[in-house]
């Protein structure tokens, strides 16, 4: 009788400068997420984004049984997912809405980007500048 195959998690070491490490650690703490989770998310997000145009990435994802993330076709897919009011529904593929920031992040948003609080989920375009 053969031994059952157990898939073990793999560990990847990433070399960072002291200041880069401190930045990443502090950023992750602000999200209440581990560095491991954030680095994993960001790496996979970038690979997933290539799926739409790269046959190699499509083939590799298929070969390794990696499903396409339902958020990948959205222009807001990336770090904004951490701050979005409907992130869970979006991750589950249950909404077509684009980024709508959670109001509790208001104090973090730079003044010149305050317009994001007007987003209704239909667009993430900056308002036209008077000109």
C-alpha atoms as a PDB file:
ATOM      1  CA  UNK A   1       0.000   0.000   0.000  1.00  0.00           C
ATOM      2  CA  UNK A   2       1.510   3.361  -1.084  1.00  0.00           C
ATOM      3  CA  UNK A   3       1.864   6.366   1.171  1.00  0.00           C
ATOM      4  CA  UNK A   4      -0.679   9.105   0.622  1.00  0.00           C
ATOM      5  CA  UNK A   5       0.728  12.154  -1.042  1.00  0.00           C
ATOM      6  CA  UNK A   6       0.758  15.118   1.329  1.00  0.00           C
ATOM      7  CA  UNK A   7       1.348  18.515  -0.186  1.00  0.00           C
ATOM      8  CA  UNK A   8       3.559  20.536   2.125  1.00  0.00           C
ATOM      9  CA  UNK A   9       3.633  24.317   2.108  1.00  0.00           C
ATOM     10  CA  UNK A  10       6.804  25.686   0.596  1.00  0.00           C
ATOM     11  CA  UNK A  11       8.856  28.472   2.092  1.00  0.00           C
ATOM     12  CA  UNK A  12      10.496  31.159  -0.010  1.00  0.00           C
ATOM     13  CA  UNK A  13      13.140  33.440   1.430  1.00  0.00           C
ATOM     14  CA  UNK A  14      13.196  37.010   0.187  1.00  0.00           C
ATOM     15  CA  UNK A  15      16.255  39.154   0.741  1.00  0.00           C
ATOM     16  CA  UNK A  16      15.447  42.767   1.659  1.00  0.00           C
ATOM     17  CA  UNK A  17      17.506  45.656   2.888  1.00  0.00           C
ATOM     18  CA  UNK A  18      16.938  46.671   6.503  1.00  0.00           C
ATOM     19  CA  UNK A  19      14.838  49.658   5.448  1.00  0.00           C
ATOM     20  CA  UNK A  20      12.795  47.589   2.967  1.00  0.00           C
ATOM     21  CA  UNK A  21      12.151  44.980   5.656  1.00  0.00           C
ATOM     22  CA  UNK A  22      11.063  47.639   8.130  1.00  0.00           C
ATOM     23  CA  UNK A  23       8.766  49.196   5.539  1.00  0.00           C
ATOM     24  CA  UNK A  24       7.193  45.834   4.675  1.00  0.00           C
ATOM     25  CA  UNK A  25       6.811  44.822   8.316  1.00  0.00           C
ATOM     26  CA  UNK A  26       5.167  48.118   9.224  1.00  0.00           C
ATOM     27  CA  UNK A  27       2.920  48.061   6.145  1.00  0.00           C
ATOM     28  CA  UNK A  28       1.762  44.522   6.959  1.00  0.00           C
ATOM     29  CA  UNK A  29       1.132  45.467  10.583  1.00  0.00           C
ATOM     30  CA  UNK A  30      -1.068  48.344   9.392  1.00  0.00           C
ATOM     31  CA  UNK A  31      -3.150  45.773   7.497  1.00  0.00           C
ATOM     32  CA  UNK A  32      -3.119  43.358  10.434  1.00  0.00           C
ATOM     33  CA  UNK A  33      -1.699  40.737   8.062  1.00  0.00           C
ATOM     34  CA  UNK A  34       1.507  38.761   8.095  1.00  0.00           C
ATOM     35  CA  UNK A  35       4.392  39.555   5.774  1.00  0.00           C
ATOM     36  CA  UNK A  36       4.012  36.045   4.412  1.00  0.00           C
ATOM     37  CA  UNK A  37       0.363  36.637   3.469  1.00  0.00           C
ATOM     38  CA  UNK A  38       0.986  40.031   1.883  1.00  0.00           C
ATOM     39  CA  UNK A  39       3.997  38.863  -0.148  1.00  0.00           C
ATOM     40  CA  UNK A  40       2.050  35.788  -1.282  1.00  0.00           C
ATOM     41  CA  UNK A  41      -0.943  37.931  -2.287  1.00  0.00           C
ATOM     42  CA  UNK A  42       1.171  40.429  -4.209  1.00  0.00           C
ATOM     43  CA  UNK A  43       3.231  37.790  -6.017  1.00  0.00           C
ATOM     44  CA  UNK A  44       0.164  35.817  -7.075  1.00  0.00           C
ATOM     45  CA  UNK A  45      -1.716  38.983  -8.062  1.00  0.00           C
ATOM     46  CA  UNK A  46       1.062  39.917 -10.468  1.00  0.00           C
ATOM     47  CA  UNK A  47       1.149  36.433 -11.997  1.00  0.00           C
ATOM     48  CA  UNK A  48      -2.644  36.367 -12.251  1.00  0.00           C
ATOM     49  CA  UNK A  49      -2.624  39.732 -14.063  1.00  0.00           C
ATOM     50  CA  UNK A  50      -0.439  38.209 -16.789  1.00  0.00           C
ATOM     51  CA  UNK A  51      -3.016  35.493 -17.484  1.00  0.00           C
ATOM     52  CA  UNK A  52      -4.985  37.719 -19.882  1.00  0.00           C
ATOM     53  CA  UNK A  53      -2.095  38.155 -22.315  1.00  0.00           C
ATOM     54  CA  UNK A  54       0.471  35.435 -21.720  1.00  0.00           C
ATOM     55  CA  UNK A  55       0.099  31.907 -23.022  1.00  0.00           C
ATOM     56  CA  UNK A  56       2.940  30.721 -20.787  1.00  0.00           C
ATOM     57  CA  UNK A  57       1.211  31.950 -17.627  1.00  0.00           C
ATOM     58  CA  UNK A  58      -2.083  30.432 -18.782  1.00  0.00           C
ATOM     59  CA  UNK A  59      -0.364  27.126 -19.394  1.00  0.00           C
ATOM     60  CA  UNK A  60       1.501  27.195 -16.074  1.00  0.00           C
ATOM     61  CA  UNK A  61      -1.625  28.022 -14.093  1.00  0.00           C
ATOM     62  CA  UNK A  62      -3.513  25.212 -15.793  1.00  0.00           C
ATOM     63  CA  UNK A  63      -0.644  22.761 -15.327  1.00  0.00           C
ATOM     64  CA  UNK A  64      -0.423  23.526 -11.608  1.00  0.00           C
ATOM     65  CA  UNK A  65      -4.168  23.676 -10.968  1.00  0.00           C
ATOM     66  CA  UNK A  66      -4.265  27.359 -10.091  1.00  0.00           C
ATOM     67  CA  UNK A  67      -7.704  28.850 -10.678  1.00  0.00           C
ATOM     68  CA  UNK A  68      -8.004  32.317 -12.124  1.00  0.00           C
ATOM     69  CA  UNK A  69      -8.924  34.869  -9.484  1.00  0.00           C
ATOM     70  CA  UNK A  70     -12.351  36.402 -10.285  1.00  0.00           C
ATOM     71  CA  UNK A  71     -10.949  39.886  -9.556  1.00  0.00           C
ATOM     72  CA  UNK A  72      -8.177  39.709 -12.126  1.00  0.00           C
ATOM     73  CA  UNK A  73     -10.000  41.548 -14.913  1.00  0.00           C
ATOM     74  CA  UNK A  74     -10.817  44.501 -12.682  1.00  0.00           C
ATOM     75  CA  UNK A  75      -8.549  47.557 -12.965  1.00  0.00           C
ATOM     76  CA  UNK A  76      -8.592  47.946  -9.177  1.00  0.00           C
ATOM     77  CA  UNK A  77      -7.252  44.424  -8.493  1.00  0.00           C
ATOM     78  CA  UNK A  78      -4.190  44.716  -6.284  1.00  0.00           C
ATOM     79  CA  UNK A  79      -3.397  46.517  -3.058  1.00  0.00           C
ATOM     80  CA  UNK A  80      -6.775  48.306  -3.174  1.00  0.00           C
ATOM     81  CA  UNK A  81      -8.428  44.979  -2.325  1.00  0.00           C
ATOM     82  CA  UNK A  82      -7.135  45.385   1.231  1.00  0.00           C
ATOM     83  CA  UNK A  83      -9.095  48.624   1.627  1.00  0.00           C
ATOM     84  CA  UNK A  84     -12.259  47.835  -0.363  1.00  0.00           C
ATOM     85  CA  UNK A  85     -15.684  47.694   1.261  1.00  0.00           C
ATOM     86  CA  UNK A  86     -16.762  44.646  -0.744  1.00  0.00           C
ATOM     87  CA  UNK A  87     -13.487  42.706  -0.916  1.00  0.00           C
ATOM     88  CA  UNK A  88     -14.959  39.412   0.297  1.00  0.00           C
ATOM     89  CA  UNK A  89     -17.794  39.432  -2.251  1.00  0.00           C
ATOM     90  CA  UNK A  90     -15.358  40.404  -4.988  1.00  0.00           C
ATOM     91  CA  UNK A  91     -12.920  37.624  -4.085  1.00  0.00           C
ATOM     92  CA  UNK A  92     -15.823  35.158  -4.271  1.00  0.00           C
ATOM     93  CA  UNK A  93     -16.799  36.502  -7.709  1.00  0.00           C
ATOM     94  CA  UNK A  94     -20.146  37.734  -6.388  1.00  0.00           C
ATOM     95  CA  UNK A  95     -19.966  41.369  -7.528  1.00  0.00           C
ATOM     96  CA  UNK A  96     -18.997  43.345 -10.593  1.00  0.00           C
ATOM     97  CA  UNK A  97     -18.425  46.494  -8.566  1.00  0.00           C
ATOM     98  CA  UNK A  98     -15.036  48.160  -8.725  1.00  0.00           C
ATOM     99  CA  UNK A  99     -13.165  49.633  -5.763  1.00  0.00           C
ATOM    100  CA  UNK A 100     -15.271  51.315  -3.114  1.00  0.00           C
ATOM    101  CA  UNK A 101     -13.035  52.308  -0.185  1.00  0.00           C
ATOM    102  CA  UNK A 102     -14.050  51.535   3.370  1.00  0.00           C
ATOM    103  CA  UNK A 103     -14.791  54.819   5.117  1.00  0.00           C
ATOM    104  CA  UNK A 104     -12.600  53.943   8.086  1.00  0.00           C
ATOM    105  CA  UNK A 105      -9.504  54.480   5.915  1.00  0.00           C
ATOM    106  CA  UNK A 106     -10.406  58.142   5.319  1.00  0.00           C
ATOM    107  CA  UNK A 107      -7.611  59.388   7.592  1.00  0.00           C
ATOM    108  CA  UNK A 108      -5.044  57.435   5.540  1.00  0.00           C
ATOM    109  CA  UNK A 109      -5.986  58.868   2.149  1.00  0.00           C
ATOM    110  CA  UNK A 110      -3.876  61.707   0.789  1.00  0.00           C
ATOM    111  CA  UNK A 111      -5.758  64.948   0.254  1.00  0.00           C
ATOM    112  CA  UNK A 112      -5.270  64.868  -3.524  1.00  0.00           C
ATOM    113  CA  UNK A 113      -6.860  61.406  -3.628  1.00  0.00           C
ATOM    114  CA  UNK A 114      -9.894  62.170  -1.437  1.00  0.00           C
ATOM    115  CA  UNK A 115     -12.108  61.866  -4.530  1.00  0.00           C
ATOM    116  CA  UNK A 116     -11.975  58.075  -4.128  1.00  0.00           C
ATOM    117  CA  UNK A 117     -14.647  58.396  -1.461  1.00  0.00           C
ATOM    118  CA  UNK A 118     -17.045  59.420  -4.233  1.00  0.00           C
ATOM    119  CA  UNK A 119     -16.583  56.068  -6.003  1.00  0.00           C
ATOM    120  CA  UNK A 120     -19.820  54.124  -6.347  1.00  0.00           C
ATOM    121  CA  UNK A 121     -18.239  50.978  -7.758  1.00  0.00           C
ATOM    122  CA  UNK A 122     -18.943  51.817 -11.391  1.00  0.00           C
ATOM    123  CA  UNK A 123     -15.594  53.488 -12.089  1.00  0.00           C
ATOM    124  CA  UNK A 124     -12.199  54.195 -10.559  1.00  0.00           C
ATOM    125  CA  UNK A 125     -11.423  57.129 -12.792  1.00  0.00           C
ATOM    126  CA  UNK A 126     -10.133  60.335 -11.269  1.00  0.00           C
ATOM    127  CA  UNK A 127     -12.462  63.285 -11.842  1.00  0.00           C
ATOM    128  CA  UNK A 128     -11.620  65.502 -14.786  1.00  0.00           C
ATOM    129  CA  UNK A 129      -9.362  68.404 -13.891  1.00  0.00           C
ATOM    130  CA  UNK A 130     -10.780  71.843 -14.670  1.00  0.00           C
ATOM    131  CA  UNK A 131      -8.935  73.131 -17.515  1.00  0.00           C
END
